[in-house]
Amino acid sequence: MKIRIEKASCVGNARCAAVSEELFPLNDDGYIAVDAVDVPPGMEQIARRGARACPERIIFVVEEE
């Protein structure tokens, strides 16, 4: 599983980081610092929760087959 993030559209609500700072790191200004993340095994549910927490809906979970 991967997370894809439209980083340029982040407005800094930081709700994703409140779910998991490991998966959704913020930069010094409080905006998402990455545009993609490989989700470690066992963190899939947290990744989905973080994506749902984003009010801008700029975080996408990509299920791999």
PDB file of N, CA and C in Angstrom:
ATOM      1  N   MET A   1       0.848  -1.175   0.000  1.00  0.00           N
ATOM      2  CA  MET A   1       0.000   0.000   0.000  1.00  0.00           C
ATOM      3  C   MET A   1       0.891   1.234   0.000  1.00  0.00           C
ATOM      4  N   LYS A   2       0.424   2.238  -0.715  1.00  0.00           N
ATOM      5  CA  LYS A   2       1.122   3.521  -0.754  1.00  0.00           C
ATOM      6  C   LYS A   2       0.124   4.634  -0.469  1.00  0.00           C
ATOM      7  N   ILE A   3       0.664   5.757  -0.055  1.00  0.00           N
ATOM      8  CA  ILE A   3      -0.129   6.969   0.118  1.00  0.00           C
ATOM      9  C   ILE A   3       0.405   7.975  -0.892  1.00  0.00           C
ATOM     10  N   ARG A   4      -0.498   8.588  -1.634  1.00  0.00           N
ATOM     11  CA  ARG A   4      -0.132   9.671  -2.549  1.00  0.00           C
ATOM     12  C   ARG A   4      -0.767  10.949  -2.020  1.00  0.00           C
ATOM     13  N   ILE A   5      -0.001  12.028  -2.010  1.00  0.00           N
ATOM     14  CA  ILE A   5      -0.477  13.277  -1.425  1.00  0.00           C
ATOM     15  C   ILE A   5      -0.284  14.411  -2.416  1.00  0.00           C
ATOM     16  N   GLU A   6      -1.320  15.203  -2.628  1.00  0.00           N
ATOM     17  CA  GLU A   6      -1.223  16.409  -3.448  1.00  0.00           C
ATOM     18  C   GLU A   6      -0.677  17.517  -2.550  1.00  0.00           C
ATOM     19  N   LYS A   7       0.625  17.466  -2.345  1.00  0.00           N
ATOM     20  CA  LYS A   7       1.323  18.314  -1.383  1.00  0.00           C
ATOM     21  C   LYS A   7       1.055  19.811  -1.594  1.00  0.00           C
ATOM     22  N   ALA A   8       0.997  20.253  -2.823  1.00  0.00           N
ATOM     23  CA  ALA A   8       0.795  21.670  -3.118  1.00  0.00           C
ATOM     24  C   ALA A   8      -0.560  22.179  -2.642  1.00  0.00           C
ATOM     25  N   SER A   9      -1.513  21.279  -2.430  1.00  0.00           N
ATOM     26  CA  SER A   9      -2.853  21.674  -1.995  1.00  0.00           C
ATOM     27  C   SER A   9      -3.028  21.656  -0.486  1.00  0.00           C
ATOM     28  N   CYS A  10      -1.986  21.281   0.249  1.00  0.00           N
ATOM     29  CA  CYS A  10      -2.071  21.211   1.712  1.00  0.00           C
ATOM     30  C   CYS A  10      -2.245  22.618   2.287  1.00  0.00           C
ATOM     31  N   VAL A  11      -3.201  22.768   3.206  1.00  0.00           N
ATOM     32  CA  VAL A  11      -3.423  24.060   3.864  1.00  0.00           C
ATOM     33  C   VAL A  11      -2.986  24.046   5.320  1.00  0.00           C
ATOM     34  N   GLY A  12      -2.402  22.951   5.763  1.00  0.00           N
ATOM     35  CA  GLY A  12      -1.802  22.914   7.085  1.00  0.00           C
ATOM     36  C   GLY A  12      -2.731  22.630   8.244  1.00  0.00           C
ATOM     37  N   ASN A  13      -3.805  21.901   8.020  1.00  0.00           N
ATOM     38  CA  ASN A  13      -4.688  21.536   9.127  1.00  0.00           C
ATOM     39  C   ASN A  13      -4.028  20.545  10.082  1.00  0.00           C
ATOM     40  N   ALA A  14      -3.110  19.752   9.577  1.00  0.00           N
ATOM     41  CA  ALA A  14      -2.329  18.776  10.357  1.00  0.00           C
ATOM     42  C   ALA A  14      -3.170  17.663  10.973  1.00  0.00           C
ATOM     43  N   ARG A  15      -4.348  17.444  10.474  1.00  0.00           N
ATOM     44  CA  ARG A  15      -5.170  16.347  11.006  1.00  0.00           C
ATOM     45  C   ARG A  15      -4.581  14.994  10.672  1.00  0.00           C
ATOM     46  N   CYS A  16      -3.914  14.905   9.521  1.00  0.00           N
ATOM     47  CA  CYS A  16      -3.257  13.647   9.155  1.00  0.00           C
ATOM     48  C   CYS A  16      -2.134  13.332  10.138  1.00  0.00           C
ATOM     49  N   ALA A  17      -1.331  14.322  10.471  1.00  0.00           N
ATOM     50  CA  ALA A  17      -0.223  14.113  11.403  1.00  0.00           C
ATOM     51  C   ALA A  17      -0.728  13.795  12.800  1.00  0.00           C
ATOM     52  N   ALA A  18      -1.905  14.282  13.157  1.00  0.00           N
ATOM     53  CA  ALA A  18      -2.490  13.944  14.455  1.00  0.00           C
ATOM     54  C   ALA A  18      -2.808  12.452  14.521  1.00  0.00           C
ATOM     55  N   VAL A  19      -3.096  11.846  13.365  1.00  0.00           N
ATOM     56  CA  VAL A  19      -3.346  10.409  13.299  1.00  0.00           C
ATOM     57  C   VAL A  19      -2.029   9.641  13.354  1.00  0.00           C
ATOM     58  N   SER A  20      -1.031  10.097  12.582  1.00  0.00           N
ATOM     59  CA  SER A  20       0.271   9.413  12.570  1.00  0.00           C
ATOM     60  C   SER A  20       1.351  10.356  12.054  1.00  0.00           C
ATOM     61  N   GLU A  21       2.202  10.818  12.952  1.00  0.00           N
ATOM     62  CA  GLU A  21       3.325  11.667  12.541  1.00  0.00           C
ATOM     63  C   GLU A  21       4.333  10.885  11.710  1.00  0.00           C
ATOM     64  N   GLU A  22       4.376   9.578  11.899  1.00  0.00           N
ATOM     65  CA  GLU A  22       5.303   8.738  11.138  1.00  0.00           C
ATOM     66  C   GLU A  22       4.905   8.673   9.666  1.00  0.00           C
ATOM     67  N   LEU A  23       3.629   8.484   9.395  1.00  0.00           N
ATOM     68  CA  LEU A  23       3.162   8.389   8.012  1.00  0.00           C
ATOM     69  C   LEU A  23       2.954   9.750   7.367  1.00  0.00           C
ATOM     70  N   PHE A  24       2.643  10.749   8.163  1.00  0.00           N
ATOM     71  CA  PHE A  24       2.301  12.071   7.641  1.00  0.00           C
ATOM     72  C   PHE A  24       3.160  13.149   8.307  1.00  0.00           C
ATOM     73  N   PRO A  25       4.463  13.152   8.009  1.00  0.00           N
ATOM     74  CA  PRO A  25       5.346  14.142   8.632  1.00  0.00           C
ATOM     75  C   PRO A  25       5.053  15.548   8.119  1.00  0.00           C
ATOM     76  N   LEU A  26       5.227  16.514   8.986  1.00  0.00           N
ATOM     77  CA  LEU A  26       5.011  17.916   8.630  1.00  0.00           C
ATOM     78  C   LEU A  26       6.345  18.635   8.533  1.00  0.00           C
ATOM     79  N   ASN A  27       6.382  19.687   7.712  1.00  0.00           N
ATOM     80  CA  ASN A  27       7.579  20.511   7.647  1.00  0.00           C
ATOM     81  C   ASN A  27       7.542  21.546   8.780  1.00  0.00           C
ATOM     82  N   ASP A  28       8.526  22.398   8.844  1.00  0.00           N
ATOM     83  CA  ASP A  28       8.615  23.377   9.931  1.00  0.00           C
ATOM     84  C   ASP A  28       7.468  24.380   9.934  1.00  0.00           C
ATOM     85  N   ASP A  29       6.790  24.532   8.796  1.00  0.00           N
ATOM     86  CA  ASP A  29       5.660  25.457   8.702  1.00  0.00           C
ATOM     87  C   ASP A  29       4.320  24.793   8.985  1.00  0.00           C
ATOM     88  N   GLY A  30       4.322  23.477   9.241  1.00  0.00           N
ATOM     89  CA  GLY A  30       3.097  22.771   9.576  1.00  0.00           C
ATOM     90  C   GLY A  30       2.343  22.182   8.394  1.00  0.00           C
ATOM     91  N   TYR A  31       3.000  22.129   7.243  1.00  0.00           N
ATOM     92  CA  TYR A  31       2.392  21.538   6.055  1.00  0.00           C
ATOM     93  C   TYR A  31       2.984  20.153   5.825  1.00  0.00           C
ATOM     94  N   ILE A  32       2.291  19.317   5.086  1.00  0.00           N
ATOM     95  CA  ILE A  32       2.780  17.970   4.823  1.00  0.00           C
ATOM     96  C   ILE A  32       4.134  18.053   4.112  1.00  0.00           C
ATOM     97  N   ALA A  33       5.065  17.241   4.545  1.00  0.00           N
ATOM     98  CA  ALA A  33       6.437  17.321   4.045  1.00  0.00           C
ATOM     99  C   ALA A  33       6.726  16.351   2.905  1.00  0.00           C
ATOM    100  N   VAL A  34       5.836  15.426   2.637  1.00  0.00           N
ATOM    101  CA  VAL A  34       6.081  14.399   1.621  1.00  0.00           C
ATOM    102  C   VAL A  34       4.930  14.350   0.623  1.00  0.00           C
ATOM    103  N   ASP A  35       5.209  13.794  -0.550  1.00  0.00           N
ATOM    104  CA  ASP A  35       4.121  13.640  -1.525  1.00  0.00           C
ATOM    105  C   ASP A  35       3.766  12.183  -1.778  1.00  0.00           C
ATOM    106  N   ALA A  36       4.530  11.264  -1.150  1.00  0.00           N
ATOM    107  CA  ALA A  36       4.235   9.841  -1.257  1.00  0.00           C
ATOM    108  C   ALA A  36       4.869   9.107  -0.084  1.00  0.00           C
ATOM    109  N   VAL A  37       4.213   8.034   0.332  1.00  0.00           N
ATOM    110  CA  VAL A  37       4.713   7.229   1.446  1.00  0.00           C
ATOM    111  C   VAL A  37       4.419   5.762   1.141  1.00  0.00           C
ATOM    112  N   ASP A  38       5.412   4.911   1.355  1.00  0.00           N
ATOM    113  CA  ASP A  38       5.183   3.472   1.340  1.00  0.00           C
ATOM    114  C   ASP A  38       4.725   3.089   2.743  1.00  0.00           C
ATOM    115  N   VAL A  39       3.540   2.550   2.857  1.00  0.00           N
ATOM    116  CA  VAL A  39       2.966   2.221   4.158  1.00  0.00           C
ATOM    117  C   VAL A  39       3.591   0.923   4.671  1.00  0.00           C
ATOM    118  N   PRO A  40       4.214   0.973   5.860  1.00  0.00           N
ATOM    119  CA  PRO A  40       4.789  -0.253   6.423  1.00  0.00           C
ATOM    120  C   PRO A  40       3.698  -1.271   6.755  1.00  0.00           C
ATOM    121  N   PRO A  41       4.027  -2.554   6.690  1.00  0.00           N
ATOM    122  CA  PRO A  41       3.042  -3.584   7.051  1.00  0.00           C
ATOM    123  C   PRO A  41       2.495  -3.338   8.458  1.00  0.00           C
ATOM    124  N   GLY A  42       1.200  -3.505   8.581  1.00  0.00           N
ATOM    125  CA  GLY A  42       0.545  -3.314   9.866  1.00  0.00           C
ATOM    126  C   GLY A  42       0.022  -1.910  10.103  1.00  0.00           C
ATOM    127  N   MET A  43       0.361  -0.967   9.219  1.00  0.00           N
ATOM    128  CA  MET A  43      -0.094   0.422   9.399  1.00  0.00           C
ATOM    129  C   MET A  43      -1.151   0.831   8.368  1.00  0.00           C
ATOM    130  N   GLU A  44      -1.700  -0.144   7.682  1.00  0.00           N
ATOM    131  CA  GLU A  44      -2.677   0.152   6.637  1.00  0.00           C
ATOM    132  C   GLU A  44      -3.911   0.882   7.172  1.00  0.00           C
ATOM    133  N   GLN A  45      -4.419   0.437   8.298  1.00  0.00           N
ATOM    134  CA  GLN A  45      -5.622   1.055   8.866  1.00  0.00           C
ATOM    135  C   GLN A  45      -5.344   2.497   9.290  1.00  0.00           C
ATOM    136  N   ILE A  46      -4.168   2.737   9.839  1.00  0.00           N
ATOM    137  CA  ILE A  46      -3.783   4.092  10.243  1.00  0.00           C
ATOM    138  C   ILE A  46      -3.649   4.982   9.015  1.00  0.00           C
ATOM    139  N   ALA A  47      -3.100   4.443   7.930  1.00  0.00           N
ATOM    140  CA  ALA A  47      -2.979   5.207   6.690  1.00  0.00           C
ATOM    141  C   ALA A  47      -4.347   5.629   6.174  1.00  0.00           C
ATOM    142  N   ARG A  48      -5.285   4.699   6.185  1.00  0.00           N
ATOM    143  CA  ARG A  48      -6.649   5.029   5.730  1.00  0.00           C
ATOM    144  C   ARG A  48      -7.294   6.082   6.639  1.00  0.00           C
ATOM    145  N   ARG A  49      -7.077   5.950   7.932  1.00  0.00           N
ATOM    146  CA  ARG A  49      -7.636   6.910   8.893  1.00  0.00           C
ATOM    147  C   ARG A  49      -7.056   8.307   8.661  1.00  0.00           C
ATOM    148  N   GLY A  50      -5.752   8.375   8.415  1.00  0.00           N
ATOM    149  CA  GLY A  50      -5.112   9.662   8.141  1.00  0.00           C
ATOM    150  C   GLY A  50      -5.639  10.308   6.876  1.00  0.00           C
ATOM    151  N   ALA A  51      -5.866   9.502   5.845  1.00  0.00           N
ATOM    152  CA  ALA A  51      -6.419  10.029   4.590  1.00  0.00           C
ATOM    153  C   ALA A  51      -7.831  10.569   4.808  1.00  0.00           C
ATOM    154  N   ARG A  52      -8.627   9.843   5.583  1.00  0.00           N
ATOM    155  CA  ARG A  52     -10.006  10.310   5.860  1.00  0.00           C
ATOM    156  C   ARG A  52     -10.017  11.564   6.718  1.00  0.00           C
ATOM    157  N   ALA A  53      -8.979  11.773   7.516  1.00  0.00           N
ATOM    158  CA  ALA A  53      -8.934  12.926   8.414  1.00  0.00           C
ATOM    159  C   ALA A  53      -8.683  14.234   7.674  1.00  0.00           C
ATOM    160  N   CYS A  54      -8.184  14.161   6.455  1.00  0.00           N
ATOM    161  CA  CYS A  54      -7.841  15.371   5.701  1.00  0.00           C
ATOM    162  C   CYS A  54      -9.100  16.055   5.174  1.00  0.00           C
ATOM    163  N   PRO A  55      -9.383  17.278   5.636  1.00  0.00           N
ATOM    164  CA  PRO A  55     -10.593  17.965   5.164  1.00  0.00           C
ATOM    165  C   PRO A  55     -10.513  18.384   3.688  1.00  0.00           C
ATOM    166  N   GLU A  56      -9.305  18.529   3.162  1.00  0.00           N
ATOM    167  CA  GLU A  56      -9.144  18.911   1.763  1.00  0.00           C
ATOM    168  C   GLU A  56      -9.219  17.717   0.818  1.00  0.00           C
ATOM    169  N   ARG A  57      -9.155  16.509   1.356  1.00  0.00           N
ATOM    170  CA  ARG A  57      -9.201  15.263   0.568  1.00  0.00           C
ATOM    171  C   ARG A  57      -8.071  15.210  -0.458  1.00  0.00           C
ATOM    172  N   ILE A  58      -6.844  15.546  -0.009  1.00  0.00           N
ATOM    173  CA  ILE A  58      -5.688  15.533  -0.896  1.00  0.00           C
ATOM    174  C   ILE A  58      -4.797  14.318  -0.669  1.00  0.00           C
ATOM    175  N   ILE A  59      -5.212  13.432   0.235  1.00  0.00           N
ATOM    176  CA  ILE A  59      -4.448  12.228   0.547  1.00  0.00           C
ATOM    177  C   ILE A  59      -5.188  11.022  -0.030  1.00  0.00           C
ATOM    178  N   PHE A  60      -4.470  10.245  -0.839  1.00  0.00           N
ATOM    179  CA  PHE A  60      -5.069   9.113  -1.523  1.00  0.00           C
ATOM    180  C   PHE A  60      -4.334   7.833  -1.153  1.00  0.00           C
ATOM    181  N   VAL A  61      -5.078   6.819  -0.796  1.00  0.00           N
ATOM    182  CA  VAL A  61      -4.520   5.514  -0.495  1.00  0.00           C
ATOM    183  C   VAL A  61      -4.544   4.688  -1.774  1.00  0.00           C
ATOM    184  N   VAL A  62      -3.370   4.171  -2.142  1.00  0.00           N
ATOM    185  CA  VAL A  62      -3.239   3.360  -3.346  1.00  0.00           C
ATOM    186  C   VAL A  62      -3.004   1.927  -2.910  1.00  0.00           C
ATOM    187  N   GLU A  63      -3.998   1.093  -3.125  1.00  0.00           N
ATOM    188  CA  GLU A  63      -3.892  -0.319  -2.787  1.00  0.00           C
ATOM    189  C   GLU A  63      -3.082  -1.026  -3.854  1.00  0.00           C
ATOM    190  N   GLU A  64      -2.069  -1.742  -3.459  1.00  0.00           N
ATOM    191  CA  GLU A  64      -1.240  -2.471  -4.423  1.00  0.00           C
ATOM    192  C   GLU A  64      -1.722  -3.908  -4.520  1.00  0.00           C
ATOM    193  N   GLU A  65      -1.542  -4.481  -5.686  1.00  0.00           N
ATOM    194  CA  GLU A  65      -1.948  -5.873  -5.883  1.00  0.00           C
ATOM    195  C   GLU A  65      -0.749  -6.763  -6.017  1.00  0.00           C
TER     196      GLU A  65
END
